[in-house]
Amino acid sequence: MDAARARPALHRFTIAVAGATLLLIFVGGLVTSTGAGLAVPDWPLAFGQVFPRMVGGVLYEHGHRLLAGTVGLATLALTIAVWLVEPRRSVRLVALAASGAVIAQGLLGGLTVLLLLPPAVSVAHACLAQAFLCLTVTLAAITNPGWEDLRPLPERAAPPLALLTRVTACAVYAQLILGAVVRHTGAGLAIADFPLAFGRLVPPFDRPDVTIHFAHRLGAVAVLALVAWTTIAIRRRHPGEPHLGRPARLAVGLVVLQVTLGALTIWTRKAVLPTTAHVAVGAALLATTFLLALRTSRMVPMPRPAGTPLLADRRVIA
């Protein structure tokens, strides 16, 4: 099969890897929600075996490892396929970065177990998982046969849409970092009521876990506002553009669902299903806003600053 005919298959492969990564994040959240992080005390084997008895917490923890290994091998295979099929250097570099990230993620996962779940390593493991998801989403976006055909759109309003979508995606990622800190420091129920905090709008910051938890709530408000702002801006400036409108609407639905799941996590005292879904929907929201940022960066690029007088003079002289 020649390179041109292989590209659609490569694109489908990237989508499959991105979807498997999202599933892996869900299963990783399930490990934390069920307290199964140390159900298998050794690494890389499990009780000295490759396939131990999959019962209790071992099912969640070792199932997570098996799925992670599958995603890792698929990512390495994807990188090889990209280098065989794709002539674009940028695509090859993203694929290499994805392979590096998945290897580092596996090592962090092992350290998490061997060091008995230290919060710093566990948070780093969670954050790198989200970054790896963004790399797989990037590959899925730029290997799409229609990526090169995305038409440029006029942009006259402020702020630039490319900037707004980037800020939104960065805010979602920062919020996920805060969520990982909340989860791995045991601050999930530091404030046990919602939407108020100890019956007040602003709680007393007399404990570090209360501060961490409330910062995560404030981050949710910021993300909700940015997603709404981005969606309104896209609808007003480019109402007929499905490449921007569809992910924007999806982001709105995801952020509303995410806030609801956050509330349910508190109201159910961290029940497994809403707590785990909260992790997975957060990752889906990041993937959606990141895809939106990628598309706007290509379709509605940032305006270039005017050249300085010195540069202008050099052009005249030349």
C-alpha atoms as a PDB file:
ATOM      1  CA  MET A   1       0.000   0.000   0.000  1.00  0.00           C
ATOM      2  CA  ASP A   2       1.448   3.399  -0.994  1.00  0.00           C
ATOM      3  CA  ALA A   3       1.731   6.310   1.426  1.00  0.00           C
ATOM      4  CA  ALA A   4      -1.264   8.218   0.037  1.00  0.00           C
ATOM      5  CA  ARG A   5      -3.596   5.246   0.442  1.00  0.00           C
ATOM      6  CA  ALA A   6      -2.201   4.436   3.874  1.00  0.00           C
ATOM      7  CA  ARG A   7      -2.922   7.849   5.380  1.00  0.00           C
ATOM      8  CA  PRO A   8      -6.667   7.290   6.057  1.00  0.00           C
ATOM      9  CA  ALA A   9      -5.799   4.046   7.854  1.00  0.00           C
ATOM     10  CA  LEU A  10      -3.122   5.877   9.840  1.00  0.00           C
ATOM     11  CA  HIS A  11      -5.690   8.487  10.845  1.00  0.00           C
ATOM     12  CA  ARG A  12      -8.070   5.792  12.065  1.00  0.00           C
ATOM     13  CA  PHE A  13      -5.206   4.260  14.038  1.00  0.00           C
ATOM     14  CA  THR A  14      -4.507   7.601  15.752  1.00  0.00           C
ATOM     15  CA  ILE A  15      -8.181   7.925  16.695  1.00  0.00           C
ATOM     16  CA  ALA A  16      -8.113   4.425  18.182  1.00  0.00           C
ATOM     17  CA  VAL A  17      -5.012   5.249  20.257  1.00  0.00           C
ATOM     18  CA  ALA A  18      -6.580   8.500  21.496  1.00  0.00           C
ATOM     19  CA  GLY A  19      -9.770   6.646  22.444  1.00  0.00           C
ATOM     20  CA  ALA A  20      -7.782   3.939  24.238  1.00  0.00           C
ATOM     21  CA  THR A  21      -5.897   6.656  26.116  1.00  0.00           C
ATOM     22  CA  LEU A  22      -9.157   8.163  27.321  1.00  0.00           C
ATOM     23  CA  LEU A  23     -10.294   4.704  28.459  1.00  0.00           C
ATOM     24  CA  LEU A  24      -6.949   4.240  30.227  1.00  0.00           C
ATOM     25  CA  ILE A  25      -7.472   7.492  32.148  1.00  0.00           C
ATOM     26  CA  PHE A  26     -10.914   6.246  33.209  1.00  0.00           C
ATOM     27  CA  VAL A  27      -9.442   2.961  34.456  1.00  0.00           C
ATOM     28  CA  GLY A  28      -6.666   4.850  36.242  1.00  0.00           C
ATOM     29  CA  GLY A  29      -9.304   6.946  37.975  1.00  0.00           C
ATOM     30  CA  LEU A  30     -11.074   3.731  38.925  1.00  0.00           C
ATOM     31  CA  VAL A  31      -7.889   2.502  40.622  1.00  0.00           C
ATOM     32  CA  THR A  32      -7.747   5.650  42.742  1.00  0.00           C
ATOM     33  CA  SER A  33     -11.488   5.707  43.466  1.00  0.00           C
ATOM     34  CA  THR A  34     -11.460   2.133  44.722  1.00  0.00           C
ATOM     35  CA  GLY A  35      -8.246   2.550  46.715  1.00  0.00           C
ATOM     36  CA  ALA A  36      -6.589  -0.225  44.716  1.00  0.00           C
ATOM     37  CA  GLY A  37      -3.324   1.597  44.045  1.00  0.00           C
ATOM     38  CA  LEU A  38      -1.287  -0.825  46.158  1.00  0.00           C
ATOM     39  CA  ALA A  39      -3.368  -3.945  45.563  1.00  0.00           C
ATOM     40  CA  VAL A  40      -0.353  -5.236  43.621  1.00  0.00           C
ATOM     41  CA  PRO A  41       2.729  -4.346  45.701  1.00  0.00           C
ATOM     42  CA  ASP A  42       5.444  -5.179  43.144  1.00  0.00           C
ATOM     43  CA  TRP A  43       6.298  -3.846  39.681  1.00  0.00           C
ATOM     44  CA  PRO A  44       6.614  -4.567  36.770  1.00  0.00           C
ATOM     45  CA  LEU A  45       5.327  -8.050  37.691  1.00  0.00           C
ATOM     46  CA  ALA A  46       2.287  -8.699  39.885  1.00  0.00           C
ATOM     47  CA  PHE A  47       3.053 -11.019  42.797  1.00  0.00           C
ATOM     48  CA  GLY A  48       5.921 -12.248  40.645  1.00  0.00           C
ATOM     49  CA  GLN A  49       3.567 -13.137  37.780  1.00  0.00           C
ATOM     50  CA  VAL A  50       2.467 -11.619  34.507  1.00  0.00           C
ATOM     51  CA  PHE A  51      -1.162 -12.704  34.995  1.00  0.00           C
ATOM     52  CA  PRO A  52      -2.104 -13.013  38.685  1.00  0.00           C
ATOM     53  CA  ARG A  53      -5.583 -13.903  39.918  1.00  0.00           C
ATOM     54  CA  MET A  54      -7.740 -10.960  38.872  1.00  0.00           C
ATOM     55  CA  VAL A  55      -9.834 -10.572  42.028  1.00  0.00           C
ATOM     56  CA  GLY A  56     -10.632  -7.582  44.238  1.00  0.00           C
ATOM     57  CA  GLY A  57      -8.339  -4.617  43.874  1.00  0.00           C
ATOM     58  CA  VAL A  58      -5.947  -6.661  41.736  1.00  0.00           C
ATOM     59  CA  LEU A  59      -8.546  -6.574  38.965  1.00  0.00           C
ATOM     60  CA  TYR A  60      -8.475  -2.766  38.894  1.00  0.00           C
ATOM     61  CA  GLU A  61      -4.748  -2.248  39.465  1.00  0.00           C
ATOM     62  CA  HIS A  62      -3.382  -4.984  37.222  1.00  0.00           C
ATOM     63  CA  GLY A  63      -6.112  -4.358  34.660  1.00  0.00           C
ATOM     64  CA  HIS A  64      -4.857  -0.781  34.538  1.00  0.00           C
ATOM     65  CA  ARG A  65      -1.316  -2.042  33.974  1.00  0.00           C
ATOM     66  CA  LEU A  66      -2.364  -4.390  31.186  1.00  0.00           C
ATOM     67  CA  LEU A  67      -4.316  -1.650  29.427  1.00  0.00           C
ATOM     68  CA  ALA A  68      -1.402   0.754  29.888  1.00  0.00           C
ATOM     69  CA  GLY A  69       0.944  -1.770  28.329  1.00  0.00           C
ATOM     70  CA  THR A  70      -1.421  -2.183  25.387  1.00  0.00           C
ATOM     71  CA  VAL A  71      -1.624   1.581  24.854  1.00  0.00           C
ATOM     72  CA  GLY A  72       2.156   1.837  25.132  1.00  0.00           C
ATOM     73  CA  LEU A  73       2.748  -0.824  22.484  1.00  0.00           C
ATOM     74  CA  ALA A  74       0.089   0.737  20.246  1.00  0.00           C
ATOM     75  CA  THR A  75       1.795   4.126  20.591  1.00  0.00           C
ATOM     76  CA  LEU A  76       5.175   2.689  19.618  1.00  0.00           C
ATOM     77  CA  ALA A  77       3.583   0.967  16.624  1.00  0.00           C
ATOM     78  CA  LEU A  78       1.854   4.223  15.708  1.00  0.00           C
ATOM     79  CA  THR A  79       5.152   6.086  15.814  1.00  0.00           C
ATOM     80  CA  ILE A  80       6.734   3.561  13.467  1.00  0.00           C
ATOM     81  CA  ALA A  81       3.744   3.834  11.139  1.00  0.00           C
ATOM     82  CA  VAL A  82       3.961   7.625  11.140  1.00  0.00           C
ATOM     83  CA  TRP A  83       7.628   7.523  10.188  1.00  0.00           C
ATOM     84  CA  LEU A  84       6.874   5.094   7.375  1.00  0.00           C
ATOM     85  CA  VAL A  85       3.862   6.936   5.973  1.00  0.00           C
ATOM     86  CA  GLU A  86       4.070  10.620   6.908  1.00  0.00           C
ATOM     87  CA  PRO A  87       6.497  12.918   5.088  1.00  0.00           C
ATOM     88  CA  ARG A  88       5.730  15.886   7.365  1.00  0.00           C
ATOM     89  CA  ARG A  89       8.445  16.460   9.940  1.00  0.00           C
ATOM     90  CA  SER A  90       6.025  18.018  12.449  1.00  0.00           C
ATOM     91  CA  VAL A  91       3.846  14.892  12.507  1.00  0.00           C
ATOM     92  CA  ARG A  92       6.886  12.691  13.040  1.00  0.00           C
ATOM     93  CA  LEU A  93       8.081  14.827  15.941  1.00  0.00           C
ATOM     94  CA  VAL A  94       4.672  14.674  17.645  1.00  0.00           C
ATOM     95  CA  ALA A  95       4.677  10.890  17.266  1.00  0.00           C
ATOM     96  CA  LEU A  96       8.157  10.696  18.822  1.00  0.00           C
ATOM     97  CA  ALA A  97       6.994  12.910  21.688  1.00  0.00           C
ATOM     98  CA  ALA A  98       4.016  10.609  22.246  1.00  0.00           C
ATOM     99  CA  SER A  99       6.304   7.565  22.441  1.00  0.00           C
ATOM    100  CA  GLY A 100       8.597   9.360  24.894  1.00  0.00           C
ATOM    101  CA  ALA A 101       5.623  10.404  27.006  1.00  0.00           C
ATOM    102  CA  VAL A 102       4.125   6.916  27.179  1.00  0.00           C
ATOM    103  CA  ILE A 103       7.475   5.416  28.235  1.00  0.00           C
ATOM    104  CA  ALA A 104       7.903   8.073  30.926  1.00  0.00           C
ATOM    105  CA  GLN A 105       4.328   7.462  32.037  1.00  0.00           C
ATOM    106  CA  GLY A 106       5.014   3.767  32.493  1.00  0.00           C
ATOM    107  CA  LEU A 107       8.087   4.504  34.604  1.00  0.00           C
ATOM    108  CA  LEU A 108       6.116   6.981  36.739  1.00  0.00           C
ATOM    109  CA  GLY A 109       3.429   4.371  37.245  1.00  0.00           C
ATOM    110  CA  GLY A 110       6.055   1.932  38.483  1.00  0.00           C
ATOM    111  CA  LEU A 111       7.548   4.521  40.839  1.00  0.00           C
ATOM    112  CA  THR A 112       4.090   5.266  42.190  1.00  0.00           C
ATOM    113  CA  VAL A 113       3.813   1.646  43.347  1.00  0.00           C
ATOM    114  CA  LEU A 114       7.409   1.112  44.457  1.00  0.00           C
ATOM    115  CA  LEU A 115       7.417   4.337  46.501  1.00  0.00           C
ATOM    116  CA  LEU A 116       4.005   3.542  48.053  1.00  0.00           C
ATOM    117  CA  LEU A 117       1.888   6.222  46.369  1.00  0.00           C
ATOM    118  CA  PRO A 118       3.761   9.436  47.220  1.00  0.00           C
ATOM    119  CA  PRO A 119       1.454  12.370  46.328  1.00  0.00           C
ATOM    120  CA  ALA A 120       4.058  14.174  44.210  1.00  0.00           C
ATOM    121  CA  VAL A 121       4.720  11.152  41.992  1.00  0.00           C
ATOM    122  CA  SER A 122       1.020  10.257  41.793  1.00  0.00           C
ATOM    123  CA  VAL A 123       0.125  13.819  40.734  1.00  0.00           C
ATOM    124  CA  ALA A 124       2.917  13.822  38.136  1.00  0.00           C
ATOM    125  CA  HIS A 125       1.604  10.491  36.824  1.00  0.00           C
ATOM    126  CA  ALA A 126      -1.886  11.948  36.457  1.00  0.00           C
ATOM    127  CA  CYS A 127      -0.656  15.152  34.789  1.00  0.00           C
ATOM    128  CA  LEU A 128       1.545  13.328  32.288  1.00  0.00           C
ATOM    129  CA  ALA A 129      -1.432  11.139  31.377  1.00  0.00           C
ATOM    130  CA  GLN A 130      -3.377  14.246  30.372  1.00  0.00           C
ATOM    131  CA  ALA A 131      -0.414  15.605  28.394  1.00  0.00           C
ATOM    132  CA  PHE A 132      -0.095  12.281  26.583  1.00  0.00           C
ATOM    133  CA  LEU A 133      -3.796  12.454  25.742  1.00  0.00           C
ATOM    134  CA  CYS A 134      -3.206  15.871  24.152  1.00  0.00           C
ATOM    135  CA  LEU A 135      -0.393  14.422  22.040  1.00  0.00           C
ATOM    136  CA  THR A 136      -2.651  11.640  20.761  1.00  0.00           C
ATOM    137  CA  VAL A 137      -5.383  14.177  20.010  1.00  0.00           C
ATOM    138  CA  THR A 138      -2.829  16.245  18.085  1.00  0.00           C
ATOM    139  CA  LEU A 139      -1.873  13.215  16.012  1.00  0.00           C
ATOM    140  CA  ALA A 140      -5.527  12.427  15.328  1.00  0.00           C
ATOM    141  CA  ALA A 141      -6.134  16.021  14.225  1.00  0.00           C
ATOM    142  CA  ILE A 142      -3.128  16.564  11.976  1.00  0.00           C
ATOM    143  CA  THR A 143      -3.280  13.139  10.292  1.00  0.00           C
ATOM    144  CA  ASN A 144      -6.877  13.801   9.257  1.00  0.00           C
ATOM    145  CA  PRO A 145      -6.908  13.932   5.429  1.00  0.00           C
ATOM    146  CA  GLY A 146      -8.947  17.135   5.672  1.00  0.00           C
ATOM    147  CA  TRP A 147      -6.463  18.931   7.946  1.00  0.00           C
ATOM    148  CA  GLU A 148      -4.593  20.533   5.057  1.00  0.00           C
ATOM    149  CA  ASP A 149      -7.887  21.657   3.504  1.00  0.00           C
ATOM    150  CA  LEU A 150      -9.186  23.644   6.493  1.00  0.00           C
ATOM    151  CA  ARG A 151     -10.011  27.043   5.061  1.00  0.00           C
ATOM    152  CA  PRO A 152      -8.776  30.233   6.743  1.00  0.00           C
ATOM    153  CA  LEU A 153     -11.445  32.397   8.315  1.00  0.00           C
ATOM    154  CA  PRO A 154     -11.465  36.187   8.688  1.00  0.00           C
ATOM    155  CA  GLU A 155     -10.880  37.461  12.217  1.00  0.00           C
ATOM    156  CA  ARG A 156     -11.523  41.068  13.134  1.00  0.00           C
ATOM    157  CA  ALA A 157     -12.888  40.941  16.672  1.00  0.00           C
ATOM    158  CA  ALA A 158     -10.877  40.908  19.873  1.00  0.00           C
ATOM    159  CA  PRO A 159      -9.619  38.902  21.620  1.00  0.00           C
ATOM    160  CA  PRO A 160      -8.231  36.698  18.827  1.00  0.00           C
ATOM    161  CA  LEU A 161     -10.100  33.403  18.777  1.00  0.00           C
ATOM    162  CA  ALA A 162      -6.864  31.413  18.609  1.00  0.00           C
ATOM    163  CA  LEU A 163      -5.712  33.067  21.834  1.00  0.00           C
ATOM    164  CA  LEU A 164      -9.048  32.527  23.561  1.00  0.00           C
ATOM    165  CA  THR A 165      -9.163  28.805  22.749  1.00  0.00           C
ATOM    166  CA  ARG A 166      -5.560  28.346  23.898  1.00  0.00           C
ATOM    167  CA  VAL A 167      -6.263  30.060  27.191  1.00  0.00           C
ATOM    168  CA  THR A 168      -9.350  27.868  27.650  1.00  0.00           C
ATOM    169  CA  ALA A 169      -7.417  24.644  26.989  1.00  0.00           C
ATOM    170  CA  CYS A 170      -4.625  25.739  29.348  1.00  0.00           C
ATOM    171  CA  ALA A 171      -7.191  26.565  32.040  1.00  0.00           C
ATOM    172  CA  VAL A 172      -8.735  23.107  31.693  1.00  0.00           C
ATOM    173  CA  TYR A 173      -5.307  21.493  32.015  1.00  0.00           C
ATOM    174  CA  ALA A 174      -4.486  23.589  35.100  1.00  0.00           C
ATOM    175  CA  GLN A 175      -7.831  22.584  36.592  1.00  0.00           C
ATOM    176  CA  LEU A 176      -7.021  18.916  35.995  1.00  0.00           C
ATOM    177  CA  ILE A 177      -3.707  19.408  37.789  1.00  0.00           C
ATOM    178  CA  LEU A 178      -5.590  20.872  40.735  1.00  0.00           C
ATOM    179  CA  GLY A 179      -8.007  17.945  40.587  1.00  0.00           C
ATOM    180  CA  ALA A 180      -5.094  15.501  40.717  1.00  0.00           C
ATOM    181  CA  VAL A 181      -3.708  17.316  43.762  1.00  0.00           C
ATOM    182  CA  VAL A 182      -7.135  17.138  45.435  1.00  0.00           C
ATOM    183  CA  ARG A 183      -7.451  13.440  44.651  1.00  0.00           C
ATOM    184  CA  HIS A 184      -3.976  12.352  45.707  1.00  0.00           C
ATOM    185  CA  THR A 185      -3.760  14.450  48.865  1.00  0.00           C
ATOM    186  CA  GLY A 186      -7.111  13.220  50.183  1.00  0.00           C
ATOM    187  CA  ALA A 187      -8.743  16.646  49.963  1.00  0.00           C
ATOM    188  CA  GLY A 188     -11.826  15.476  48.073  1.00  0.00           C
ATOM    189  CA  LEU A 189     -14.114  15.881  51.061  1.00  0.00           C
ATOM    190  CA  ALA A 190     -12.191  18.617  52.860  1.00  0.00           C
ATOM    191  CA  ILE A 191     -15.309  20.708  52.183  1.00  0.00           C
ATOM    192  CA  ALA A 192     -18.212  18.309  52.568  1.00  0.00           C
ATOM    193  CA  ASP A 193     -21.075  20.518  51.345  1.00  0.00           C
ATOM    194  CA  PHE A 194     -21.874  21.969  47.929  1.00  0.00           C
ATOM    195  CA  PRO A 195     -22.472  24.541  46.454  1.00  0.00           C
ATOM    196  CA  LEU A 196     -21.645  26.323  49.724  1.00  0.00           C
ATOM    197  CA  ALA A 197     -18.517  25.644  51.743  1.00  0.00           C
ATOM    198  CA  PHE A 198     -19.230  24.988  55.417  1.00  0.00           C
ATOM    199  CA  GLY A 199     -22.465  26.891  54.829  1.00  0.00           C
ATOM    200  CA  ARG A 200     -20.591  29.955  53.513  1.00  0.00           C
ATOM    201  CA  LEU A 201     -19.518  31.330  50.167  1.00  0.00           C
ATOM    202  CA  VAL A 202     -15.862  31.407  51.251  1.00  0.00           C
ATOM    203  CA  PRO A 203     -14.634  28.857  53.805  1.00  0.00           C
ATOM    204  CA  PRO A 204     -12.078  29.521  56.545  1.00  0.00           C
ATOM    205  CA  PHE A 205      -8.655  28.616  55.187  1.00  0.00           C
ATOM    206  CA  ASP A 206      -7.446  27.017  58.389  1.00  0.00           C
ATOM    207  CA  ARG A 207      -6.242  23.771  56.793  1.00  0.00           C
ATOM    208  CA  PRO A 208      -4.189  23.127  53.630  1.00  0.00           C
ATOM    209  CA  ASP A 209      -6.693  20.582  52.315  1.00  0.00           C
ATOM    210  CA  VAL A 210      -9.508  23.146  52.525  1.00  0.00           C
ATOM    211  CA  THR A 211      -7.418  25.624  50.524  1.00  0.00           C
ATOM    212  CA  ILE A 212      -6.628  23.022  47.857  1.00  0.00           C
ATOM    213  CA  HIS A 213     -10.252  21.915  47.605  1.00  0.00           C
ATOM    214  CA  PHE A 214     -11.631  25.462  47.360  1.00  0.00           C
ATOM    215  CA  ALA A 215      -9.013  26.404  44.744  1.00  0.00           C
ATOM    216  CA  HIS A 216     -10.314  23.508  42.650  1.00  0.00           C
ATOM    217  CA  ARG A 217     -13.862  24.868  42.964  1.00  0.00           C
ATOM    218  CA  LEU A 218     -12.713  28.334  41.875  1.00  0.00           C
ATOM    219  CA  GLY A 219     -10.925  26.722  38.936  1.00  0.00           C
ATOM    220  CA  ALA A 220     -14.194  25.083  37.920  1.00  0.00           C
ATOM    221  CA  VAL A 221     -15.876  28.489  37.819  1.00  0.00           C
ATOM    222  CA  ALA A 222     -13.055  29.881  35.664  1.00  0.00           C
ATOM    223  CA  VAL A 223     -13.222  26.944  33.242  1.00  0.00           C
ATOM    224  CA  LEU A 224     -17.002  27.205  32.991  1.00  0.00           C
ATOM    225  CA  ALA A 225     -16.736  30.922  32.180  1.00  0.00           C
ATOM    226  CA  LEU A 226     -13.973  30.420  29.594  1.00  0.00           C
ATOM    227  CA  VAL A 227     -15.793  27.592  27.814  1.00  0.00           C
ATOM    228  CA  ALA A 228     -18.965  29.703  27.675  1.00  0.00           C
ATOM    229  CA  TRP A 229     -17.020  32.736  26.393  1.00  0.00           C
ATOM    230  CA  THR A 230     -15.265  30.657  23.728  1.00  0.00           C
ATOM    231  CA  THR A 231     -18.507  29.087  22.536  1.00  0.00           C
ATOM    232  CA  ILE A 232     -20.314  32.426  22.332  1.00  0.00           C
ATOM    233  CA  ALA A 233     -17.390  33.959  20.421  1.00  0.00           C
ATOM    234  CA  ILE A 234     -17.378  31.106  17.897  1.00  0.00           C
ATOM    235  CA  ARG A 235     -21.131  31.269  17.446  1.00  0.00           C
ATOM    236  CA  ARG A 236     -21.078  35.022  16.845  1.00  0.00           C
ATOM    237  CA  ARG A 237     -17.999  35.204  14.627  1.00  0.00           C
ATOM    238  CA  HIS A 238     -18.219  31.943  12.659  1.00  0.00           C
ATOM    239  CA  PRO A 239     -21.769  30.590  13.029  1.00  0.00           C
ATOM    240  CA  GLY A 240     -21.638  28.331   9.986  1.00  0.00           C
ATOM    241  CA  GLU A 241     -18.307  26.645  10.636  1.00  0.00           C
ATOM    242  CA  PRO A 242     -18.863  23.050  11.857  1.00  0.00           C
ATOM    243  CA  HIS A 243     -15.166  22.401  12.508  1.00  0.00           C
ATOM    244  CA  LEU A 244     -15.366  24.959  15.318  1.00  0.00           C
ATOM    245  CA  GLY A 245     -19.053  24.844  16.262  1.00  0.00           C
ATOM    246  CA  ARG A 246     -19.275  21.115  16.968  1.00  0.00           C
ATOM    247  CA  PRO A 247     -16.360  20.853  19.429  1.00  0.00           C
ATOM    248  CA  ALA A 248     -17.454  24.113  21.081  1.00  0.00           C
ATOM    249  CA  ARG A 249     -20.944  22.742  21.734  1.00  0.00           C
ATOM    250  CA  LEU A 250     -19.459  19.463  22.950  1.00  0.00           C
ATOM    251  CA  ALA A 251     -17.232  21.383  25.361  1.00  0.00           C
ATOM    252  CA  VAL A 252     -20.283  23.136  26.827  1.00  0.00           C
ATOM    253  CA  GLY A 253     -22.036  19.831  27.413  1.00  0.00           C
ATOM    254  CA  LEU A 254     -18.915  18.301  28.947  1.00  0.00           C
ATOM    255  CA  VAL A 255     -18.234  21.193  31.302  1.00  0.00           C
ATOM    256  CA  VAL A 256     -21.828  21.163  32.582  1.00  0.00           C
ATOM    257  CA  LEU A 257     -21.597  17.399  33.079  1.00  0.00           C
ATOM    258  CA  GLN A 258     -18.245  17.827  34.824  1.00  0.00           C
ATOM    259  CA  VAL A 259     -19.603  20.340  37.328  1.00  0.00           C
ATOM    260  CA  THR A 260     -22.560  18.019  37.991  1.00  0.00           C
ATOM    261  CA  LEU A 261     -20.217  15.081  38.588  1.00  0.00           C
ATOM    262  CA  GLY A 262     -18.124  17.204  40.941  1.00  0.00           C
ATOM    263  CA  ALA A 263     -21.221  17.967  42.977  1.00  0.00           C
ATOM    264  CA  LEU A 264     -22.251  14.304  42.967  1.00  0.00           C
ATOM    265  CA  THR A 265     -18.775  13.329  44.153  1.00  0.00           C
ATOM    266  CA  ILE A 266     -19.327  15.422  47.275  1.00  0.00           C
ATOM    267  CA  TRP A 267     -23.004  14.586  47.791  1.00  0.00           C
ATOM    268  CA  THR A 268     -22.325  10.823  47.533  1.00  0.00           C
ATOM    269  CA  ARG A 269     -19.236  11.021  49.737  1.00  0.00           C
ATOM    270  CA  LYS A 270     -16.922  10.068  46.861  1.00  0.00           C
ATOM    271  CA  ALA A 271     -18.886   7.146  45.495  1.00  0.00           C
ATOM    272  CA  VAL A 272     -16.843   5.202  42.957  1.00  0.00           C
ATOM    273  CA  LEU A 273     -18.904   5.864  39.820  1.00  0.00           C
ATOM    274  CA  PRO A 274     -19.290   9.678  39.972  1.00  0.00           C
ATOM    275  CA  THR A 275     -15.726  10.123  41.241  1.00  0.00           C
ATOM    276  CA  THR A 276     -14.257   8.055  38.412  1.00  0.00           C
ATOM    277  CA  ALA A 277     -16.528   9.622  35.796  1.00  0.00           C
ATOM    278  CA  HIS A 278     -15.391  13.034  37.059  1.00  0.00           C
ATOM    279  CA  VAL A 279     -11.811  12.098  36.130  1.00  0.00           C
ATOM    280  CA  ALA A 280     -12.757  10.748  32.698  1.00  0.00           C
ATOM    281  CA  VAL A 281     -15.058  13.626  31.717  1.00  0.00           C
ATOM    282  CA  GLY A 282     -12.353  16.087  32.749  1.00  0.00           C
ATOM    283  CA  ALA A 283      -9.976  14.354  30.343  1.00  0.00           C
ATOM    284  CA  ALA A 284     -12.613  14.417  27.588  1.00  0.00           C
ATOM    285  CA  LEU A 285     -13.097  18.143  28.179  1.00  0.00           C
ATOM    286  CA  LEU A 286      -9.355  18.713  27.862  1.00  0.00           C
ATOM    287  CA  ALA A 287      -9.232  16.709  24.628  1.00  0.00           C
ATOM    288  CA  THR A 288     -12.149  18.720  23.200  1.00  0.00           C
ATOM    289  CA  THR A 289     -10.803  22.157  24.121  1.00  0.00           C
ATOM    290  CA  PHE A 290      -7.330  21.164  22.934  1.00  0.00           C
ATOM    291  CA  LEU A 291      -8.729  20.048  19.573  1.00  0.00           C
ATOM    292  CA  LEU A 292     -10.593  23.337  19.336  1.00  0.00           C
ATOM    293  CA  ALA A 293      -7.354  25.229  20.027  1.00  0.00           C
ATOM    294  CA  LEU A 294      -5.567  23.250  17.313  1.00  0.00           C
ATOM    295  CA  ARG A 295      -8.255  23.987  14.742  1.00  0.00           C
ATOM    296  CA  THR A 296      -8.532  27.676  15.519  1.00  0.00           C
ATOM    297  CA  SER A 297      -4.744  28.012  15.398  1.00  0.00           C
ATOM    298  CA  ARG A 298      -4.876  26.711  11.846  1.00  0.00           C
ATOM    299  CA  MET A 299      -8.089  28.355  10.665  1.00  0.00           C
ATOM    300  CA  VAL A 300      -7.968  31.649  12.577  1.00  0.00           C
ATOM    301  CA  PRO A 301      -4.270  32.312  13.208  1.00  0.00           C
ATOM    302  CA  MET A 302      -3.050  34.902  15.663  1.00  0.00           C
ATOM    303  CA  PRO A 303      -2.504  38.329  14.070  1.00  0.00           C
ATOM    304  CA  ARG A 304       1.170  39.074  13.562  1.00  0.00           C
ATOM    305  CA  PRO A 305       2.550  42.190  15.226  1.00  0.00           C
ATOM    306  CA  ALA A 306       3.627  44.957  12.929  1.00  0.00           C
ATOM    307  CA  GLY A 307       7.347  45.118  12.206  1.00  0.00           C
ATOM    308  CA  THR A 308       9.498  47.518  14.186  1.00  0.00           C
ATOM    309  CA  PRO A 309      10.797  50.678  12.472  1.00  0.00           C
ATOM    310  CA  LEU A 310      14.305  49.171  12.507  1.00  0.00           C
ATOM    311  CA  LEU A 311      13.142  46.106  10.626  1.00  0.00           C
ATOM    312  CA  ALA A 312      11.142  48.244   8.225  1.00  0.00           C
ATOM    313  CA  ASP A 313      14.194  50.383   7.516  1.00  0.00           C
ATOM    314  CA  ARG A 314      16.255  47.260   6.822  1.00  0.00           C
ATOM    315  CA  ARG A 315      13.654  46.073   4.325  1.00  0.00           C
ATOM    316  CA  VAL A 316      13.765  49.445   2.531  1.00  0.00           C
ATOM    317  CA  ILE A 317      17.557  49.373   2.448  1.00  0.00           C
ATOM    318  CA  ALA A 318      17.521  45.832   1.081  1.00  0.00           C
END
